[in-house]
Amino acid sequence: MLPLNIGCAAGFSGDRTDAAAPVVRTLVRLGGPSVLIFETLAERTLALAQLARRGDPEAGFEPLLDLMLTPVLGDCLRHGIRIVSNFGAANPRGAARRIHRLARDQGLRAPRVAVVEGDDVSGPAHRADLLQALGPKGAGLAIASANAYLGGEAIADALRAGADIVVTGRVADPSLAVGPALAHFGWAADDWDRLARATMAGHLLECGAQVCGGYYADPGFKDVPDLAHVGFPIATIDADGHCTITKADATGGCLDEHTVTEQLLYEVHDPAAYLTPDVTADITGAQVRPVGPEAVRLTGVRGHPRPASLKVNVFQEQGWLSEGEISYAGPGAEARARLAADVLRERLAGCGPLRIDLLGVASILGDDAGRWLAEQPVGRAMDVRLRVAMSHVDRAVAERLPREVTALYTCGPAGGGGVRTGLRARLGTVSCSLARERVPSTFTFID
């Protein structure tokens, strides 16, 4: 059986919108069965999508969908390259309708767009299950939405039924590759070794350019050429699930055993038991070896039965997040920024704790309580941006912080400028598990 080529053109929501075209050109050159995946969904992304859909029932899917898909939709349809993506986020049907409009606007044939559903477990049918699974964490929780991590089976079913494009909401990231492999090779749902190998191929793809030198680069230690034009990866999967990772033609970056090994281990909590909805993958015997210029072969992955339950992210109402920024420069800038922070602490006393950051002095290493900053002596930084943030359940209280930061123009220390403020609703996340049989997944064609 012919191998399956799977190219990845996005590793997160907000990724580069020009990444897909070189990947598609390379897939066309390679020939044979091919799939293009866009991985655009994370926990924070889904929470933002849920908020967007509240304001507009037609929103809630990947906001860059048009920019990502428009340049390559025609080529994919003409060359039979299937597209699979989780850019449905909180509104897969809305994304599917938008794809049909994009095709119509370009004068293309109407694609067969399938939507995978079942991940949304927010409704009354699952409320008792969620509360029981959450236990004490669920007491008094104002649940806004809940989404389970689905596997690749419904994606495979949709592709077998003739889908040109499959849009999902919350599925496990590697499942975007597992689904096409299941459909192409016809593996059994309990062929654990092959499923595990396809899962790790998907894992190497899911962060986009990361396996091609993006996020890997560290000048003088891990040098990466032409990072400005870093390529995106392609996995060629064989009938046994083993894969060879390459990258799009004529792109920058690097792909070798080091970048692949780093990505293989990325976010893996237990190399002997990497839990996904499709399989439990074991990479303790994995072998990574170069097989050509910017071509790396992954073998030795084993699989074990998949977990009996599915992870669920529950989003709960968490009030409002307000924030403000102001800059200070020149002699004494750091002391003036610290004084401005002291003014805000006093003015907003009783509203709740403030997160204080002095960007360029103390931010990454800081803490929400401000202890780390308080322990640092006042330095001589001459270019400091003060950022202050606060979370509160009452919007009226949260709105005070942006006003107080703005007032620093004339009520605060000398030389403050460049104020920027923001206020947005906030969803918090807690996780639990639901029995697999309580979360069936299906697909539907959207015309």
Protein backbone atom coordinates (compact mmCIF):
# COMPACT_ATOMS: atom_id res chain seq x y z
CA MET A 1 0.00 0.00 0.00
CA LEU A 2 1.18 3.50 -0.81
CA PRO A 3 2.45 5.55 2.14
CA LEU A 4 0.44 8.52 3.37
CA ASN A 5 1.91 12.03 3.33
CA ILE A 6 0.61 14.39 6.02
CA GLY A 7 1.76 18.00 5.98
CA CYS A 8 1.20 20.45 8.81
CA ALA A 9 0.58 24.14 8.12
CA ALA A 10 -0.17 25.49 11.61
CA GLY A 11 0.92 24.67 15.14
CA PHE A 12 -1.39 27.01 17.05
CA SER A 13 -4.03 29.68 16.61
CA GLY A 14 -2.20 32.75 15.37
CA ASP A 15 0.49 30.84 13.48
CA ARG A 16 1.82 32.11 10.15
CA THR A 17 -0.78 32.26 7.41
CA ASP A 18 1.75 31.80 4.59
CA ALA A 19 2.95 28.42 5.83
CA ALA A 20 0.47 26.25 3.94
CA ALA A 21 1.48 27.11 0.36
CA PRO A 22 5.02 25.62 0.48
CA VAL A 23 3.66 22.53 2.25
CA VAL A 24 0.98 22.02 -0.42
CA ARG A 25 3.48 22.51 -3.25
CA THR A 26 5.69 19.85 -1.67
CA LEU A 27 2.77 17.45 -1.23
CA VAL A 28 1.89 17.90 -4.90
CA ARG A 29 5.49 17.15 -5.88
CA LEU A 30 5.60 14.04 -3.69
CA GLY A 31 2.37 12.73 -5.18
CA GLY A 32 0.31 9.92 -3.74
CA PRO A 33 -2.31 10.12 -0.98
CA SER A 34 -1.87 13.34 0.98
CA VAL A 35 -3.50 15.25 3.81
CA LEU A 36 -2.95 18.81 5.02
CA ILE A 37 -3.57 19.46 8.71
CA PHE A 38 -3.90 22.72 10.62
CA GLU A 39 -3.50 22.42 14.39
CA THR A 40 -4.94 25.64 15.83
CA LEU A 41 -6.55 24.75 19.14
CA ALA A 42 -5.28 24.95 22.71
CA GLU A 43 -6.99 25.24 26.07
CA ARG A 44 -6.75 29.04 26.12
CA THR A 45 -7.76 29.22 22.45
CA LEU A 46 -10.92 27.24 23.07
CA ALA A 47 -11.85 29.42 26.04
CA LEU A 48 -11.46 32.53 23.86
CA ALA A 49 -13.55 30.87 21.15
CA GLN A 50 -16.32 30.14 23.65
CA LEU A 51 -16.33 33.83 24.64
CA ALA A 52 -16.41 34.90 20.98
CA ARG A 53 -19.42 32.69 20.25
CA ARG A 54 -21.30 34.27 23.14
CA GLY A 55 -21.06 37.62 21.41
CA ASP A 56 -21.82 36.25 17.94
CA PRO A 57 -23.42 32.82 17.32
CA GLU A 58 -21.65 32.63 13.95
CA ALA A 59 -18.21 33.23 15.53
CA GLY A 60 -16.17 30.94 17.76
CA PHE A 61 -14.04 29.21 15.11
CA GLU A 62 -10.42 29.95 14.14
CA PRO A 63 -10.28 33.70 13.41
CA LEU A 64 -7.51 33.25 10.82
CA LEU A 65 -9.36 30.54 8.89
CA ASP A 66 -9.80 32.72 5.79
CA LEU A 67 -6.13 33.73 5.66
CA MET A 68 -4.90 30.18 6.27
CA LEU A 69 -7.17 28.40 3.84
CA THR A 70 -7.79 30.80 0.96
CA PRO A 71 -4.29 30.51 -0.64
CA VAL A 72 -4.38 26.70 -0.80
CA LEU A 73 -8.03 25.64 -0.95
CA GLY A 74 -8.11 25.47 -4.74
CA ASP A 75 -4.87 23.51 -5.05
CA CYS A 76 -5.98 21.03 -2.40
CA LEU A 77 -9.29 20.38 -4.13
CA ARG A 78 -7.68 20.09 -7.57
CA HIS A 79 -4.97 17.67 -6.40
CA GLY A 80 -7.09 15.59 -4.03
CA ILE A 81 -5.26 16.73 -0.90
CA ARG A 82 -7.64 16.28 2.01
CA ILE A 83 -7.72 18.92 4.75
CA VAL A 84 -8.20 18.06 8.44
CA SER A 85 -8.21 20.70 11.15
CA ASN A 86 -9.49 21.53 14.60
CA PHE A 87 -10.09 25.14 13.56
CA GLY A 88 -13.77 24.53 14.31
CA ALA A 89 -12.96 25.34 17.98
CA ALA A 90 -16.27 26.24 19.68
CA ASN A 91 -18.22 26.39 16.41
CA PRO A 92 -17.25 23.69 13.89
CA ARG A 93 -20.46 24.12 11.91
CA GLY A 94 -19.78 27.83 11.59
CA ALA A 95 -16.30 27.03 10.27
CA ALA A 96 -17.74 24.56 7.76
CA ARG A 97 -20.20 27.14 6.47
CA ARG A 98 -17.38 29.64 6.13
CA ILE A 99 -15.29 27.14 4.11
CA HIS A 100 -18.19 26.68 1.69
CA ARG A 101 -18.36 30.47 1.23
CA LEU A 102 -14.60 30.63 0.60
CA ALA A 103 -14.89 27.95 -2.08
CA ARG A 104 -17.87 29.71 -3.67
CA ASP A 105 -16.08 33.08 -3.65
CA GLN A 106 -13.12 31.49 -5.48
CA GLY A 107 -15.32 29.78 -8.05
CA LEU A 108 -14.29 26.34 -6.85
CA ARG A 109 -16.42 23.25 -6.77
CA ALA A 110 -18.34 22.80 -3.53
CA PRO A 111 -16.17 20.69 -1.23
CA ARG A 112 -17.61 17.91 0.90
CA VAL A 113 -17.09 19.31 4.39
CA ALA A 114 -17.62 17.02 7.36
CA VAL A 115 -17.95 18.25 10.93
CA VAL A 116 -16.88 16.03 13.82
CA GLU A 117 -19.12 16.48 16.85
CA GLY A 118 -19.40 15.07 20.33
CA ASP A 119 -16.65 16.97 22.12
CA ASP A 120 -19.08 19.56 23.51
CA VAL A 121 -20.37 18.08 26.77
CA SER A 122 -21.76 21.32 28.13
CA GLY A 123 -25.42 20.36 27.95
CA PRO A 124 -27.82 19.00 30.56
CA ALA A 125 -27.18 15.39 29.47
CA HIS A 126 -23.65 15.57 30.83
CA ARG A 127 -24.08 17.96 33.76
CA ALA A 128 -24.47 15.27 36.43
CA ASP A 129 -21.48 13.34 35.00
CA LEU A 130 -19.34 16.47 35.09
CA LEU A 131 -20.22 17.40 38.64
CA GLN A 132 -19.54 13.86 39.81
CA ALA A 133 -16.21 13.78 37.96
CA LEU A 134 -15.16 17.17 39.31
CA GLY A 135 -15.96 16.22 42.90
CA PRO A 136 -15.14 19.02 45.36
CA LYS A 137 -13.73 21.13 42.50
CA GLY A 138 -17.25 21.38 41.07
CA ALA A 139 -18.89 22.84 44.16
CA GLY A 140 -20.45 26.17 43.25
CA LEU A 141 -18.83 26.14 39.81
CA ALA A 142 -20.53 28.36 37.24
CA ILE A 143 -19.90 26.10 34.24
CA ALA A 144 -19.80 28.03 30.97
CA SER A 145 -18.83 25.12 28.71
CA ALA A 146 -17.05 21.78 28.71
CA ASN A 147 -15.20 19.96 25.95
CA ALA A 148 -13.80 16.43 25.81
CA TYR A 149 -10.67 15.43 23.92
CA LEU A 150 -11.87 13.16 21.12
CA GLY A 151 -9.71 10.72 19.16
CA GLY A 152 -9.31 10.11 15.45
CA GLU A 153 -12.08 7.57 14.75
CA ALA A 154 -14.76 10.04 13.66
CA ILE A 155 -12.20 11.82 11.46
CA ALA A 156 -11.42 8.47 9.83
CA ASP A 157 -15.12 7.73 9.34
CA ALA A 158 -15.64 11.10 7.65
CA LEU A 159 -12.69 10.58 5.29
CA ARG A 160 -13.89 7.06 4.42
CA ALA A 161 -17.28 8.58 3.57
CA GLY A 162 -15.63 10.89 1.04
CA ALA A 163 -14.96 14.11 2.93
CA ASP A 164 -12.64 16.59 1.23
CA ILE A 165 -12.34 18.58 4.43
CA VAL A 166 -12.90 17.52 8.04
CA VAL A 167 -13.49 20.20 10.65
CA THR A 168 -13.33 19.31 14.33
CA GLY A 169 -13.62 21.02 17.65
CA ARG A 170 -11.62 19.63 20.56
CA VAL A 171 -9.73 16.54 19.49
CA ALA A 172 -6.33 15.47 20.78
CA ASP A 173 -3.67 17.15 18.65
CA PRO A 174 -2.05 13.92 17.35
CA SER A 175 -5.49 12.60 16.39
CA LEU A 176 -5.46 14.97 13.41
CA ALA A 177 -2.89 12.58 11.92
CA VAL A 178 -4.24 9.35 13.45
CA GLY A 179 -7.64 9.81 11.78
CA PRO A 180 -6.25 10.05 8.22
CA ALA A 181 -3.91 7.10 8.87
CA LEU A 182 -6.80 4.97 10.14
CA ALA A 183 -8.83 5.82 7.07
CA HIS A 184 -6.01 5.27 4.59
CA PHE A 185 -4.53 2.04 5.93
CA GLY A 186 -7.71 0.46 7.33
CA TRP A 187 -6.12 -0.42 10.67
CA ALA A 188 -8.25 -1.93 13.39
CA ALA A 189 -9.20 0.38 16.26
CA ASP A 190 -7.16 -1.81 18.62
CA ASP A 191 -4.01 -2.10 16.49
CA TRP A 192 -2.13 -0.45 19.32
CA ASP A 193 1.39 -0.49 17.87
CA ARG A 194 0.39 1.13 14.58
CA LEU A 195 -1.90 3.61 16.30
CA ALA A 196 0.90 4.59 18.68
CA ARG A 197 3.31 5.12 15.80
CA ALA A 198 0.81 7.32 13.95
CA THR A 199 0.16 9.17 17.20
CA MET A 200 3.83 10.05 17.57
CA ALA A 201 3.97 11.08 13.92
CA GLY A 202 1.09 13.43 14.71
CA HIS A 203 2.92 14.57 17.82
CA LEU A 204 5.95 15.52 15.72
CA LEU A 205 3.69 17.49 13.36
CA GLU A 206 1.36 19.15 15.82
CA CYS A 207 3.58 22.11 16.79
CA GLY A 208 4.20 23.10 13.18
CA ALA A 209 7.60 24.68 12.61
CA GLN A 210 8.87 23.64 16.03
CA VAL A 211 10.27 20.35 14.69
CA CYS A 212 11.92 22.27 11.83
CA GLY A 213 14.00 24.52 14.05
CA GLY A 214 11.40 26.97 15.30
CA TYR A 215 11.44 27.25 19.11
CA TYR A 216 14.55 25.08 18.95
CA ALA A 217 16.89 27.90 17.94
CA ASP A 218 19.36 29.20 20.55
CA PRO A 219 22.13 31.32 18.94
CA GLY A 220 25.63 30.02 19.55
CA PHE A 221 24.31 26.79 21.01
CA LYS A 222 21.67 25.54 18.58
CA ASP A 223 22.02 27.63 15.45
CA VAL A 224 19.21 27.46 12.88
CA PRO A 225 19.69 28.88 9.37
CA ASP A 226 17.14 31.22 7.78
CA LEU A 227 14.76 31.15 10.74
CA ALA A 228 12.73 33.98 9.19
CA HIS A 229 11.53 31.52 6.54
CA VAL A 230 11.38 28.39 8.69
CA GLY A 231 9.65 25.47 7.01
CA PHE A 232 6.75 23.37 8.23
CA PRO A 233 6.90 19.57 8.51
CA ILE A 234 5.64 16.65 6.48
CA ALA A 235 5.34 13.09 7.81
CA THR A 236 5.38 10.15 5.41
CA ILE A 237 3.69 7.27 7.23
CA ASP A 238 3.98 3.66 6.04
CA ALA A 239 1.55 0.78 6.48
CA ASP A 240 3.14 -0.19 9.82
CA GLY A 241 2.82 3.35 11.16
CA HIS A 242 6.52 4.21 11.08
CA CYS A 243 7.20 7.66 9.74
CA THR A 244 9.84 9.80 8.05
CA ILE A 245 9.76 13.49 8.87
CA THR A 246 10.82 16.05 6.25
CA LYS A 247 9.89 19.67 5.65
CA ALA A 248 8.48 21.83 2.89
CA ASP A 249 10.75 22.42 -0.11
CA ALA A 250 12.84 25.62 -0.36
CA THR A 251 12.18 26.74 3.21
CA GLY A 252 14.51 27.72 6.02
CA GLY A 253 15.17 26.15 9.38
CA CYS A 254 16.67 22.74 9.97
CA LEU A 255 15.34 19.25 10.53
CA ASP A 256 17.63 16.63 12.01
CA GLU A 257 17.74 14.00 14.73
CA HIS A 258 18.17 16.72 17.37
CA THR A 259 15.08 18.75 16.42
CA VAL A 260 13.03 15.57 16.07
CA THR A 261 14.18 14.18 19.43
CA GLU A 262 13.39 17.46 21.16
CA GLN A 263 9.90 17.57 19.69
CA LEU A 264 9.34 13.86 20.38
CA LEU A 265 9.85 14.51 24.09
CA TYR A 266 7.93 17.79 24.12
CA GLU A 267 5.04 17.77 26.64
CA VAL A 268 5.26 14.00 27.13
CA HIS A 269 4.54 13.38 30.80
CA ASP A 270 5.55 9.69 30.77
CA PRO A 271 7.59 8.28 27.86
CA ALA A 272 6.31 4.78 28.68
CA ALA A 273 2.66 5.81 28.81
CA TYR A 274 1.76 8.85 26.72
CA LEU A 275 -2.02 8.91 27.11
CA THR A 276 -4.21 9.92 24.17
CA PRO A 277 -7.84 9.13 23.26
CA ASP A 278 -6.62 6.72 20.56
CA VAL A 279 -3.88 4.76 22.31
CA THR A 280 -1.30 4.74 25.10
CA ALA A 281 1.99 5.32 23.33
CA ASP A 282 5.34 4.00 24.59
CA ILE A 283 8.43 5.74 23.19
CA THR A 284 11.00 4.20 25.54
CA GLY A 285 12.29 2.09 22.64
CA ALA A 286 11.97 4.78 19.98
CA GLN A 287 14.82 5.24 17.51
CA VAL A 288 15.46 8.49 15.67
CA ARG A 289 17.94 8.38 12.79
CA PRO A 290 18.68 10.53 9.74
CA VAL A 291 17.89 8.91 6.40
CA GLY A 292 18.79 11.78 4.10
CA PRO A 293 19.19 15.56 3.97
CA GLU A 294 16.57 16.96 6.35
CA ALA A 295 14.86 13.58 6.56
CA VAL A 296 14.56 11.70 9.86
CA ARG A 297 13.05 8.26 10.44
CA LEU A 298 11.16 7.39 13.63
CA THR A 299 10.78 3.69 14.54
CA GLY A 300 10.49 1.58 17.67
CA VAL A 301 7.31 3.11 19.07
CA ARG A 302 4.99 0.65 20.80
CA GLY A 303 1.37 0.93 21.82
CA HIS A 304 -0.88 -0.21 24.65
CA PRO A 305 -4.67 -0.09 25.08
CA ARG A 306 -6.16 3.37 25.13
CA PRO A 307 -7.50 4.88 28.39
CA ALA A 308 -11.03 4.00 29.43
CA SER A 309 -11.85 7.67 29.97
CA LEU A 310 -11.46 10.93 28.08
CA LYS A 311 -10.01 14.15 29.42
CA VAL A 312 -12.50 17.01 29.68
CA ASN A 313 -11.71 20.70 30.08
CA VAL A 314 -14.42 22.55 31.95
CA PHE A 315 -14.55 26.31 31.53
CA GLN A 316 -16.09 28.28 34.36
CA GLU A 317 -17.05 31.91 34.75
CA GLN A 318 -14.18 33.77 36.36
CA GLY A 319 -15.22 37.38 36.18
CA TRP A 320 -13.15 40.02 34.45
CA LEU A 321 -9.49 40.58 33.72
CA SER A 322 -8.40 44.21 33.58
CA GLU A 323 -4.92 45.42 32.79
CA GLY A 324 -2.98 48.54 32.02
CA GLU A 325 0.51 49.51 30.89
CA ILE A 326 2.56 52.70 31.02
CA SER A 327 6.20 53.39 30.10
CA TYR A 328 8.97 55.28 31.87
CA ALA A 329 12.35 56.09 30.34
CA GLY A 330 15.55 57.92 31.12
CA PRO A 331 17.38 58.41 34.43
CA GLY A 332 15.41 57.07 37.38
CA ALA A 333 12.94 55.25 35.13
CA GLU A 334 12.83 52.13 37.27
CA ALA A 335 12.29 54.09 40.49
CA ARG A 336 9.46 56.06 38.86
CA ALA A 337 7.83 52.85 37.57
CA ARG A 338 7.99 51.34 41.05
CA LEU A 339 6.46 54.49 42.52
CA ALA A 340 3.62 54.29 39.98
CA ALA A 341 3.03 50.69 41.05
CA ASP A 342 2.90 51.80 44.70
CA VAL A 343 0.33 54.45 43.81
CA LEU A 344 -1.85 51.85 42.09
CA ARG A 345 -1.58 49.45 45.04
CA GLU A 346 -2.80 52.16 47.39
CA ARG A 347 -5.53 53.47 45.09
CA LEU A 348 -6.87 49.97 44.43
CA ALA A 349 -6.46 48.59 47.94
CA GLY A 350 -9.37 46.33 48.78
CA CYS A 351 -10.10 45.45 45.16
CA GLY A 352 -7.98 42.34 45.27
CA PRO A 353 -4.35 41.44 44.56
CA LEU A 354 -2.57 43.17 41.70
CA ARG A 355 -0.10 41.53 39.37
CA ILE A 356 2.79 43.99 38.96
CA ASP A 357 5.38 43.55 36.21
CA LEU A 358 8.26 45.79 35.26
CA LEU A 359 8.86 44.65 31.71
CA GLY A 360 12.57 44.56 31.11
CA VAL A 361 13.31 44.34 34.83
CA ALA A 362 11.00 41.84 36.52
CA SER A 363 8.22 40.07 34.66
CA ILE A 364 9.05 36.53 33.55
CA LEU A 365 10.59 35.72 36.93
CA GLY A 366 7.95 37.61 38.89
CA ASP A 367 5.00 36.19 40.77
CA ASP A 368 1.38 37.23 41.22
CA ALA A 369 1.95 38.18 44.85
CA GLY A 370 4.75 40.58 43.96
CA ARG A 371 7.15 39.06 46.45
CA TRP A 372 9.97 38.54 43.97
CA LEU A 373 9.85 42.15 42.80
CA ALA A 374 9.78 43.48 46.36
CA GLU A 375 12.94 41.54 47.16
CA GLN A 376 14.90 43.07 44.27
CA PRO A 377 16.79 46.31 44.93
CA VAL A 378 15.88 49.30 42.81
CA GLY A 379 18.08 49.18 39.74
CA ARG A 380 19.12 51.72 37.15
CA ALA A 381 17.04 50.50 34.22
CA MET A 382 16.34 53.40 31.85
CA ASP A 383 13.62 51.77 29.75
CA VAL A 384 10.82 50.24 31.82
CA ARG A 385 7.21 49.43 31.02
CA LEU A 386 4.92 48.96 34.00
CA ARG A 387 2.15 46.41 33.55
CA VAL A 388 -0.58 45.96 36.16
CA ALA A 389 -3.36 43.37 36.02
CA MET A 390 -6.27 42.40 38.24
CA SER A 391 -9.01 39.78 38.13
CA HIS A 392 -12.39 40.44 39.75
CA VAL A 393 -15.88 38.95 39.55
CA ASP A 394 -17.48 42.41 39.52
CA ARG A 395 -17.04 44.29 36.25
CA ALA A 396 -17.49 47.67 37.93
CA VAL A 397 -14.57 46.94 40.26
CA ALA A 398 -12.40 45.60 37.43
CA GLU A 399 -13.05 48.76 35.41
CA ARG A 400 -11.29 50.86 38.08
CA LEU A 401 -7.82 49.59 37.16
CA PRO A 402 -7.79 50.91 33.56
CA ARG A 403 -9.00 54.29 34.82
CA GLU A 404 -6.32 54.48 37.49
CA VAL A 405 -3.55 53.55 35.06
CA THR A 406 -4.76 56.21 32.60
CA ALA A 407 -4.78 58.77 35.43
CA LEU A 408 -1.04 58.22 35.90
CA TYR A 409 -0.48 60.52 32.93
CA THR A 410 -0.78 63.52 35.24
CA CYS A 411 -1.41 62.05 38.69
CA GLY A 412 1.61 59.79 38.78
CA PRO A 413 5.38 60.08 38.60
CA ALA A 414 7.06 62.20 35.97
CA GLY A 415 7.46 61.13 32.41
CA GLY A 416 4.88 58.37 32.11
CA GLY A 417 3.50 57.73 28.64
CA GLY A 418 2.17 55.22 26.14
CA VAL A 419 -0.76 54.06 28.25
CA ARG A 420 -2.63 51.03 27.00
CA THR A 421 -5.52 49.38 28.89
CA GLY A 422 -7.85 46.45 28.43
CA LEU A 423 -10.84 44.70 30.00
CA ARG A 424 -12.18 41.30 29.02
CA ALA A 425 -14.35 38.53 30.37
CA ARG A 426 -12.40 35.62 31.74
CA LEU A 427 -12.98 31.87 31.78
CA GLY A 428 -11.02 29.61 34.09
CA THR A 429 -10.28 25.96 33.36
CA VAL A 430 -10.48 22.82 35.46
CA SER A 431 -10.04 19.30 34.11
CA CYS A 432 -11.66 15.97 34.82
CA SER A 433 -12.34 12.67 33.02
CA LEU A 434 -15.51 11.11 31.68
CA ALA A 435 -16.06 7.49 30.75
CA ARG A 436 -15.46 7.01 27.03
CA GLU A 437 -18.91 5.56 26.43
CA ARG A 438 -20.48 8.75 27.77
CA VAL A 439 -18.84 10.81 25.00
CA PRO A 440 -19.67 9.29 21.60
CA SER A 441 -18.33 11.11 18.55
CA THR A 442 -19.99 11.38 15.15
CA PHE A 443 -19.62 13.31 11.93
CA THR A 444 -22.07 15.19 9.75
CA PHE A 445 -21.70 16.61 6.25
CA ILE A 446 -22.47 20.32 6.03
CA ASP A 447 -23.75 21.46 2.65
